[in-house]
PDB file of N, CA and C in Angstrom:
ATOM      1  N   MET A   1       2.650   6.974 -23.372  1.00  0.00           N
ATOM      2  CA  MET A   1       2.802   5.972 -23.896  1.00  0.00           C
ATOM      3  C   MET A   1       2.096   4.756 -23.098  1.00  0.00           C
ATOM      4  N   LEU A   2       1.847   3.643 -23.989  1.00  0.00           N
ATOM      5  CA  LEU A   2       1.105   2.540 -23.389  1.00  0.00           C
ATOM      6  C   LEU A   2       1.926   1.493 -22.999  1.00  0.00           C
ATOM      7  N   GLN A   3       1.259   0.996 -21.751  1.00  0.00           N
ATOM      8  CA  GLN A   3       1.959  -0.019 -21.055  1.00  0.00           C
ATOM      9  C   GLN A   3       1.831  -1.057 -21.613  1.00  0.00           C
ATOM     10  N   PRO A   4       2.825  -2.461 -21.283  1.00  0.00           N
ATOM     11  CA  PRO A   4       2.374  -3.594 -22.080  1.00  0.00           C
ATOM     12  C   PRO A   4       1.401  -4.250 -20.820  1.00  0.00           C
ATOM     13  N   ARG A   5       0.501  -5.000 -21.568  1.00  0.00           N
ATOM     14  CA  ARG A   5      -0.253  -5.642 -20.664  1.00  0.00           C
ATOM     15  C   ARG A   5      -0.036  -6.741 -20.026  1.00  0.00           C
ATOM     16  N   LEU A   6      -0.550  -6.594 -18.619  1.00  0.00           N
ATOM     17  CA  LEU A   6       0.050  -7.600 -17.339  1.00  0.00           C
ATOM     18  C   LEU A   6      -0.800  -9.122 -17.843  1.00  0.00           C
ATOM     19  N   THR A   7       0.114  -9.829 -17.472  1.00  0.00           N
ATOM     20  CA  THR A   7      -0.045 -11.439 -17.566  1.00  0.00           C
ATOM     21  C   THR A   7      -0.226 -12.181 -16.234  1.00  0.00           C
ATOM     22  N   LYS A   8       0.089 -11.458 -14.833  1.00  0.00           N
ATOM     23  CA  LYS A   8       0.114 -11.643 -13.546  1.00  0.00           C
ATOM     24  C   LYS A   8       0.183 -10.926 -12.392  1.00  0.00           C
ATOM     25  N   VAL A   9      -0.418 -10.931 -11.330  1.00  0.00           N
ATOM     26  CA  VAL A   9       0.194 -10.133 -10.181  1.00  0.00           C
ATOM     27  C   VAL A   9      -0.082 -10.485  -9.349  1.00  0.00           C
ATOM     28  N   GLU A  10       0.844 -10.929  -8.417  1.00  0.00           N
ATOM     29  CA  GLU A  10       1.514 -11.427  -7.285  1.00  0.00           C
ATOM     30  C   GLU A  10       1.755 -10.922  -5.894  1.00  0.00           C
ATOM     31  N   PRO A  11       0.669 -10.921  -4.860  1.00  0.00           N
ATOM     32  CA  PRO A  11       0.800 -10.067  -3.747  1.00  0.00           C
ATOM     33  C   PRO A  11       2.194 -10.430  -2.848  1.00  0.00           C
ATOM     34  N   LEU A  12       2.519  -9.583  -2.702  1.00  0.00           N
ATOM     35  CA  LEU A  12       4.016 -10.020  -1.475  1.00  0.00           C
ATOM     36  C   LEU A  12       3.684  -9.520  -0.411  1.00  0.00           C
ATOM     37  N   PRO A  13       4.774  -9.563   0.925  1.00  0.00           N
ATOM     38  CA  PRO A  13       4.618  -9.114   2.243  1.00  0.00           C
ATOM     39  C   PRO A  13       4.450  -7.425   1.891  1.00  0.00           C
ATOM     40  N   ASP A  14       4.341  -6.793   3.063  1.00  0.00           N
ATOM     41  CA  ASP A  14       4.649  -5.747   2.953  1.00  0.00           C
ATOM     42  C   ASP A  14       4.455  -5.064   2.396  1.00  0.00           C
ATOM     43  N   MET A  15       2.753  -5.189   1.736  1.00  0.00           N
ATOM     44  CA  MET A  15       2.222  -4.329   0.815  1.00  0.00           C
ATOM     45  C   MET A  15       3.261  -4.053  -0.587  1.00  0.00           C
ATOM     46  N   GLN A  16       3.898  -4.793  -1.028  1.00  0.00           N
ATOM     47  CA  GLN A  16       4.550  -5.335  -2.332  1.00  0.00           C
ATOM     48  C   GLN A  16       3.207  -5.861  -3.474  1.00  0.00           C
ATOM     49  N   LEU A  17       3.740  -5.537  -4.337  1.00  0.00           N
ATOM     50  CA  LEU A  17       2.843  -6.533  -5.727  1.00  0.00           C
ATOM     51  C   LEU A  17       4.404  -6.554  -6.826  1.00  0.00           C
ATOM     52  N   MET A  18       4.456  -7.909  -7.162  1.00  0.00           N
ATOM     53  CA  MET A  18       5.192  -8.390  -7.939  1.00  0.00           C
ATOM     54  C   MET A  18       4.246  -8.227  -9.499  1.00  0.00           C
ATOM     55  N   LEU A  19       4.717  -7.743 -10.757  1.00  0.00           N
ATOM     56  CA  LEU A  19       3.911  -7.287 -11.773  1.00  0.00           C
ATOM     57  C   LEU A  19       4.416  -8.132 -12.858  1.00  0.00           C
ATOM     58  N   TYR A  20       3.638  -8.983 -13.738  1.00  0.00           N
ATOM     59  CA  TYR A  20       4.139  -9.528 -14.809  1.00  0.00           C
ATOM     60  C   TYR A  20       3.865  -8.828 -16.082  1.00  0.00           C
ATOM     61  N   TYR A  21       4.462  -8.605 -17.027  1.00  0.00           N
ATOM     62  CA  TYR A  21       3.850  -8.052 -18.364  1.00  0.00           C
ATOM     63  C   TYR A  21       4.068  -9.237 -19.282  1.00  0.00           C
ATOM     64  N   GLU A  22       3.525  -8.610 -20.592  1.00  0.00           N
ATOM     65  CA  GLU A  22       3.572  -9.566 -21.826  1.00  0.00           C
ATOM     66  C   GLU A  22       4.963  -9.689 -22.186  1.00  0.00           C
ATOM     67  N   THR A  23       6.141  -8.300 -21.989  1.00  0.00           N
ATOM     68  CA  THR A  23       7.162  -8.559 -22.711  1.00  0.00           C
ATOM     69  C   THR A  23       8.294  -8.881 -21.867  1.00  0.00           C
ATOM     70  N   GLY A  24       7.982  -9.882 -20.672  1.00  0.00           N
ATOM     71  CA  GLY A  24       9.046 -10.692 -20.289  1.00  0.00           C
ATOM     72  C   GLY A  24       9.434  -9.867 -18.872  1.00  0.00           C
ATOM     73  N   GLU A  25       8.871  -8.854 -19.045  1.00  0.00           N
ATOM     74  CA  GLU A  25       9.384  -7.531 -17.728  1.00  0.00           C
ATOM     75  C   GLU A  25       8.923  -7.885 -16.347  1.00  0.00           C
ATOM     76  N   VAL A  26       9.320  -7.878 -15.316  1.00  0.00           N
ATOM     77  CA  VAL A  26       8.521  -8.401 -14.337  1.00  0.00           C
ATOM     78  C   VAL A  26       9.148  -7.280 -13.007  1.00  0.00           C
ATOM     79  N   LYS A  27       8.267  -6.269 -12.373  1.00  0.00           N
ATOM     80  CA  LYS A  27       8.393  -5.402 -11.775  1.00  0.00           C
ATOM     81  C   LYS A  27       7.900  -5.483 -10.425  1.00  0.00           C
ATOM     82  N   GLN A  28       8.526  -4.881  -9.128  1.00  0.00           N
ATOM     83  CA  GLN A  28       7.879  -4.652  -8.251  1.00  0.00           C
ATOM     84  C   GLN A  28       7.407  -3.277  -7.888  1.00  0.00           C
ATOM     85  N   PHE A  29       6.270  -3.340  -7.211  1.00  0.00           N
ATOM     86  CA  PHE A  29       5.620  -2.138  -7.018  1.00  0.00           C
ATOM     87  C   PHE A  29       4.956  -2.058  -5.405  1.00  0.00           C
ATOM     88  N   ASP A  30       5.349  -0.799  -4.655  1.00  0.00           N
ATOM     89  CA  ASP A  30       5.250  -0.658  -3.654  1.00  0.00           C
ATOM     90  C   ASP A  30       3.796  -0.007  -3.494  1.00  0.00           C
ATOM     91  N   VAL A  31       3.122  -0.509  -2.544  1.00  0.00           N
ATOM     92  CA  VAL A  31       1.756   0.188  -2.720  1.00  0.00           C
ATOM     93  C   VAL A  31       1.455   0.924  -1.225  1.00  0.00           C
ATOM     94  N   THR A  32       1.928   0.694  -0.455  1.00  0.00           N
ATOM     95  CA  THR A  32       2.294   1.598   0.549  1.00  0.00           C
ATOM     96  C   THR A  32       1.690   3.257   0.672  1.00  0.00           C
ATOM     97  N   PRO A  33       2.459   3.806  -0.457  1.00  0.00           N
ATOM     98  CA  PRO A  33       2.107   5.365  -0.165  1.00  0.00           C
ATOM     99  C   PRO A  33       0.370   5.251  -0.696  1.00  0.00           C
ATOM    100  N   TYR A  34      -0.228   4.518  -1.359  1.00  0.00           N
ATOM    101  CA  TYR A  34      -1.540   4.693  -1.629  1.00  0.00           C
ATOM    102  C   TYR A  34      -2.521   3.957  -0.448  1.00  0.00           C
ATOM    103  N   ALA A  35      -1.902   3.168   0.346  1.00  0.00           N
ATOM    104  CA  ALA A  35      -2.698   2.911   1.121  1.00  0.00           C
ATOM    105  C   ALA A  35      -3.454   3.928   2.312  1.00  0.00           C
ATOM    106  N   GLU A  36      -3.858   5.045   2.127  1.00  0.00           N
ATOM    107  CA  GLU A  36      -4.590   6.296   3.170  1.00  0.00           C
ATOM    108  C   GLU A  36      -5.588   5.962   3.202  1.00  0.00           C
ATOM    109  N   GLY A  37      -6.431   6.728   3.686  1.00  0.00           N
ATOM    110  CA  GLY A  37      -7.754   7.438   3.865  1.00  0.00           C
ATOM    111  C   GLY A  37      -8.963   5.825   4.495  1.00  0.00           C
ATOM    112  N   SER A  38     -10.038   6.029   4.365  1.00  0.00           N
ATOM    113  CA  SER A  38     -10.908   4.915   4.808  1.00  0.00           C
ATOM    114  C   SER A  38     -11.119   3.870   3.684  1.00  0.00           C
ATOM    115  N   TRP A  39     -10.794   4.720   2.280  1.00  0.00           N
ATOM    116  CA  TRP A  39     -10.938   3.317   1.479  1.00  0.00           C
ATOM    117  C   TRP A  39     -10.023   2.837   0.892  1.00  0.00           C
ATOM    118  N   TYR A  40      -8.594   3.162   0.147  1.00  0.00           N
ATOM    119  CA  TYR A  40      -7.666   2.819  -0.111  1.00  0.00           C
ATOM    120  C   TYR A  40      -6.940   2.064   1.314  1.00  0.00           C
ATOM    121  N   GLY A  41      -7.171   2.941   2.841  1.00  0.00           N
ATOM    122  CA  GLY A  41      -6.676   2.196   3.776  1.00  0.00           C
ATOM    123  C   GLY A  41      -7.246   0.799   3.990  1.00  0.00           C
ATOM    124  N   GLU A  42      -8.171   0.033   3.351  1.00  0.00           N
ATOM    125  CA  GLU A  42      -8.659  -1.511   3.382  1.00  0.00           C
ATOM    126  C   GLU A  42      -7.468  -2.311   2.895  1.00  0.00           C
ATOM    127  N   LEU A  43      -6.483  -1.531   2.256  1.00  0.00           N
ATOM    128  CA  LEU A  43      -5.273  -2.417   1.621  1.00  0.00           C
ATOM    129  C   LEU A  43      -4.486  -2.550   2.802  1.00  0.00           C
ATOM    130  N   LYS A  44      -4.591  -2.032   3.485  1.00  0.00           N
ATOM    131  CA  LYS A  44      -3.575  -2.602   4.817  1.00  0.00           C
ATOM    132  C   LYS A  44      -3.884  -3.888   5.523  1.00  0.00           C
ATOM    133  N   ASP A  45      -5.199  -4.134   5.346  1.00  0.00           N
ATOM    134  CA  ASP A  45      -5.590  -5.752   5.920  1.00  0.00           C
ATOM    135  C   ASP A  45      -4.654  -6.970   5.150  1.00  0.00           C
ATOM    136  N   ALA A  46      -4.033  -7.329   5.522  1.00  0.00           N
ATOM    137  CA  ALA A  46      -3.084  -8.310   4.657  1.00  0.00           C
ATOM    138  C   ALA A  46      -3.998  -9.298   4.043  1.00  0.00           C
ATOM    139  N   ALA A  47      -5.188  -9.821   4.345  1.00  0.00           N
ATOM    140  CA  ALA A  47      -6.045 -10.479   3.684  1.00  0.00           C
ATOM    141  C   ALA A  47      -6.557 -10.057   2.392  1.00  0.00           C
ATOM    142  N   TYR A  48      -7.064  -8.820   2.790  1.00  0.00           N
ATOM    143  CA  TYR A  48      -7.722  -8.289   1.717  1.00  0.00           C
ATOM    144  C   TYR A  48      -6.572  -7.873   0.793  1.00  0.00           C
ATOM    145  N   PHE A  49      -5.668  -7.349   0.940  1.00  0.00           N
ATOM    146  CA  PHE A  49      -4.506  -7.161   0.314  1.00  0.00           C
ATOM    147  C   PHE A  49      -4.137  -8.030  -1.103  1.00  0.00           C
ATOM    148  N   ARG A  50      -3.867  -9.098  -0.118  1.00  0.00           N
ATOM    149  CA  ARG A  50      -3.341 -10.257  -0.874  1.00  0.00           C
ATOM    150  C   ARG A  50      -4.787 -10.962  -2.177  1.00  0.00           C
ATOM    151  N   SER A  51      -5.776 -10.276  -1.936  1.00  0.00           N
ATOM    152  CA  SER A  51      -7.202 -10.257  -2.810  1.00  0.00           C
ATOM    153  C   SER A  51      -6.852  -9.886  -4.232  1.00  0.00           C
ATOM    154  N   VAL A  52      -5.843  -9.348  -4.383  1.00  0.00           N
ATOM    155  CA  VAL A  52      -5.619  -8.376  -5.421  1.00  0.00           C
ATOM    156  C   VAL A  52      -5.989  -9.151  -7.216  1.00  0.00           C
ATOM    157  N   LYS A  53      -6.193  -9.065  -7.628  1.00  0.00           N
ATOM    158  CA  LYS A  53      -6.833  -9.306  -9.142  1.00  0.00           C
ATOM    159  C   LYS A  53      -6.540  -8.694 -10.348  1.00  0.00           C
ATOM    160  N   LEU A  54      -6.099  -9.284 -11.147  1.00  0.00           N
ATOM    161  CA  LEU A  54      -5.622  -8.753 -12.417  1.00  0.00           C
ATOM    162  C   LEU A  54      -6.858  -8.484 -13.453  1.00  0.00           C
ATOM    163  N   LEU A  55      -7.064  -7.284 -13.679  1.00  0.00           N
ATOM    164  CA  LEU A  55      -8.294  -7.021 -14.851  1.00  0.00           C
ATOM    165  C   LEU A  55      -8.575  -8.253 -16.133  1.00  0.00           C
ATOM    166  N   PRO A  56      -9.354  -9.035 -16.469  1.00  0.00           N
ATOM    167  CA  PRO A  56      -9.354  -9.657 -17.282  1.00  0.00           C
ATOM    168  C   PRO A  56      -8.780  -9.398 -18.899  1.00  0.00           C
ATOM    169  N   ASP A  57      -8.323  -7.844 -19.063  1.00  0.00           N
ATOM    170  CA  ASP A  57      -7.915  -7.677 -20.040  1.00  0.00           C
ATOM    171  C   ASP A  57      -6.275  -7.369 -20.052  1.00  0.00           C
ATOM    172  N   GLY A  58      -6.102  -7.288 -18.895  1.00  0.00           N
ATOM    173  CA  GLY A  58      -4.688  -7.064 -18.524  1.00  0.00           C
ATOM    174  C   GLY A  58      -3.933  -5.675 -18.544  1.00  0.00           C
ATOM    175  N   THR A  59      -5.283  -5.165 -18.373  1.00  0.00           N
ATOM    176  CA  THR A  59      -4.644  -3.327 -18.375  1.00  0.00           C
ATOM    177  C   THR A  59      -4.573  -2.929 -17.018  1.00  0.00           C
ATOM    178  N   GLY A  60      -4.847  -4.049 -16.021  1.00  0.00           N
ATOM    179  CA  GLY A  60      -4.747  -3.459 -14.906  1.00  0.00           C
ATOM    180  C   GLY A  60      -4.931  -4.574 -13.582  1.00  0.00           C
ATOM    181  N   ILE A  61      -5.021  -4.036 -12.512  1.00  0.00           N
ATOM    182  CA  ILE A  61      -5.383  -4.922 -11.240  1.00  0.00           C
ATOM    183  C   ILE A  61      -6.272  -4.091 -10.763  1.00  0.00           C
ATOM    184  N   GLU A  62      -7.112  -4.539  -9.731  1.00  0.00           N
ATOM    185  CA  GLU A  62      -8.036  -3.984  -8.555  1.00  0.00           C
ATOM    186  C   GLU A  62      -8.330  -4.914  -7.669  1.00  0.00           C
ATOM    187  N   TRP A  63      -9.119  -4.299  -6.438  1.00  0.00           N
ATOM    188  CA  TRP A  63      -9.455  -5.443  -5.261  1.00  0.00           C
ATOM    189  C   TRP A  63     -10.923  -5.390  -5.564  1.00  0.00           C
ATOM    190  N   SER A  64     -11.424  -5.915  -4.586  1.00  0.00           N
ATOM    191  CA  SER A  64     -13.248  -6.699  -4.279  1.00  0.00           C
ATOM    192  C   SER A  64     -14.042  -5.282  -4.197  1.00  0.00           C
ATOM    193  N   ASN A  65     -13.459  -4.350  -3.418  1.00  0.00           N
ATOM    194  CA  ASN A  65     -14.337  -3.056  -3.042  1.00  0.00           C
ATOM    195  C   ASN A  65     -13.958  -2.273  -4.585  1.00  0.00           C
ATOM    196  N   GLY A  66     -13.079  -2.383  -5.232  1.00  0.00           N
ATOM    197  CA  GLY A  66     -13.118  -1.450  -6.164  1.00  0.00           C
ATOM    198  C   GLY A  66     -11.895  -0.683  -6.512  1.00  0.00           C
ATOM    199  N   GLN A  67     -10.936  -0.792  -5.216  1.00  0.00           N
ATOM    200  CA  GLN A  67      -9.356  -0.120  -5.198  1.00  0.00           C
ATOM    201  C   GLN A  67      -8.734  -0.348  -6.550  1.00  0.00           C
ATOM    202  N   ASP A  68      -8.171   0.601  -7.300  1.00  0.00           N
ATOM    203  CA  ASP A  68      -7.586   0.224  -8.278  1.00  0.00           C
ATOM    204  C   ASP A  68      -6.169   1.247  -8.527  1.00  0.00           C
ATOM    205  N   ILE A  69      -5.139   1.043  -8.912  1.00  0.00           N
ATOM    206  CA  ILE A  69      -3.996   1.888  -9.192  1.00  0.00           C
ATOM    207  C   ILE A  69      -4.004   2.087 -10.804  1.00  0.00           C
ATOM    208  N   ALA A  70      -3.518   3.489 -11.556  1.00  0.00           N
ATOM    209  CA  ALA A  70      -3.675   3.465 -12.583  1.00  0.00           C
ATOM    210  C   ALA A  70      -2.459   2.746 -13.425  1.00  0.00           C
ATOM    211  N   PRO A  71      -2.816   2.061 -14.474  1.00  0.00           N
ATOM    212  CA  PRO A  71      -1.629   1.176 -15.544  1.00  0.00           C
ATOM    213  C   PRO A  71      -0.226   1.835 -15.384  1.00  0.00           C
ATOM    214  N   HIS A  72      -0.404   2.972 -15.829  1.00  0.00           N
ATOM    215  CA  HIS A  72       0.996   4.028 -15.977  1.00  0.00           C
ATOM    216  C   HIS A  72       1.644   4.401 -14.784  1.00  0.00           C
ATOM    217  N   GLU A  73       0.713   4.013 -13.481  1.00  0.00           N
ATOM    218  CA  GLU A  73       1.715   4.338 -12.454  1.00  0.00           C
ATOM    219  C   GLU A  73       2.556   2.896 -11.839  1.00  0.00           C
ATOM    220  N   LEU A  74       1.763   2.071 -12.531  1.00  0.00           N
ATOM    221  CA  LEU A  74       1.951   0.700 -11.907  1.00  0.00           C
ATOM    222  C   LEU A  74       3.095   0.671 -12.570  1.00  0.00           C
ATOM    223  N   TYR A  75       3.347   0.760 -13.961  1.00  0.00           N
ATOM    224  CA  TYR A  75       4.644   0.471 -15.127  1.00  0.00           C
ATOM    225  C   TYR A  75       5.511   1.301 -14.743  1.00  0.00           C
ATOM    226  N   GLU A  76       5.230   2.611 -14.540  1.00  0.00           N
ATOM    227  CA  GLU A  76       6.629   3.745 -14.708  1.00  0.00           C
ATOM    228  C   GLU A  76       7.278   3.606 -13.253  1.00  0.00           C
ATOM    229  N   LEU A  77       6.247   3.281 -12.021  1.00  0.00           N
ATOM    230  CA  LEU A  77       6.773   3.443 -10.604  1.00  0.00           C
ATOM    231  C   LEU A  77       7.500   1.914 -10.084  1.00  0.00           C
ATOM    232  N   SER A  78       7.524   1.241 -10.792  1.00  0.00           N
ATOM    233  CA  SER A  78       8.045   0.061 -10.139  1.00  0.00           C
ATOM    234  C   SER A  78       9.250   0.039 -10.303  1.00  0.00           C
ATOM    235  N   VAL A  79      10.025  -1.124  -9.545  1.00  0.00           N
ATOM    236  CA  VAL A  79      11.322  -1.348 -10.038  1.00  0.00           C
ATOM    237  C   VAL A  79      11.332  -2.517 -10.957  1.00  0.00           C
ATOM    238  N   ALA A  80      12.421  -3.017 -11.766  1.00  0.00           N
ATOM    239  CA  ALA A  80      12.371  -3.795 -12.328  1.00  0.00           C
ATOM    240  C   ALA A  80      13.193  -4.955 -11.376  1.00  0.00           C
ATOM    241  N   LYS A  81      12.702  -6.412 -11.847  1.00  0.00           N
ATOM    242  CA  LYS A  81      13.129  -7.385 -11.025  1.00  0.00           C
ATOM    243  C   LYS A  81      14.422  -8.105 -11.895  1.00  0.00           C
TER     244      LYS A  81
END
């Protein structure tokens, strides 16, 4: 299944992301399980976590050092708000 495009990503406290989709859906995603190891562990730094950016085409998100989460995981593993 193709996921709808993201229109906005908003970092929240406690490693949470609020995701806004072109369909009008708003979902909350918990990044905590991904923040392991030296590379993804950087996401534990609150300032760095808040630097998350939406990819230009709305297909995903990423941080400046290249960490990302698969678009299908963002959509399927998030909770509707």
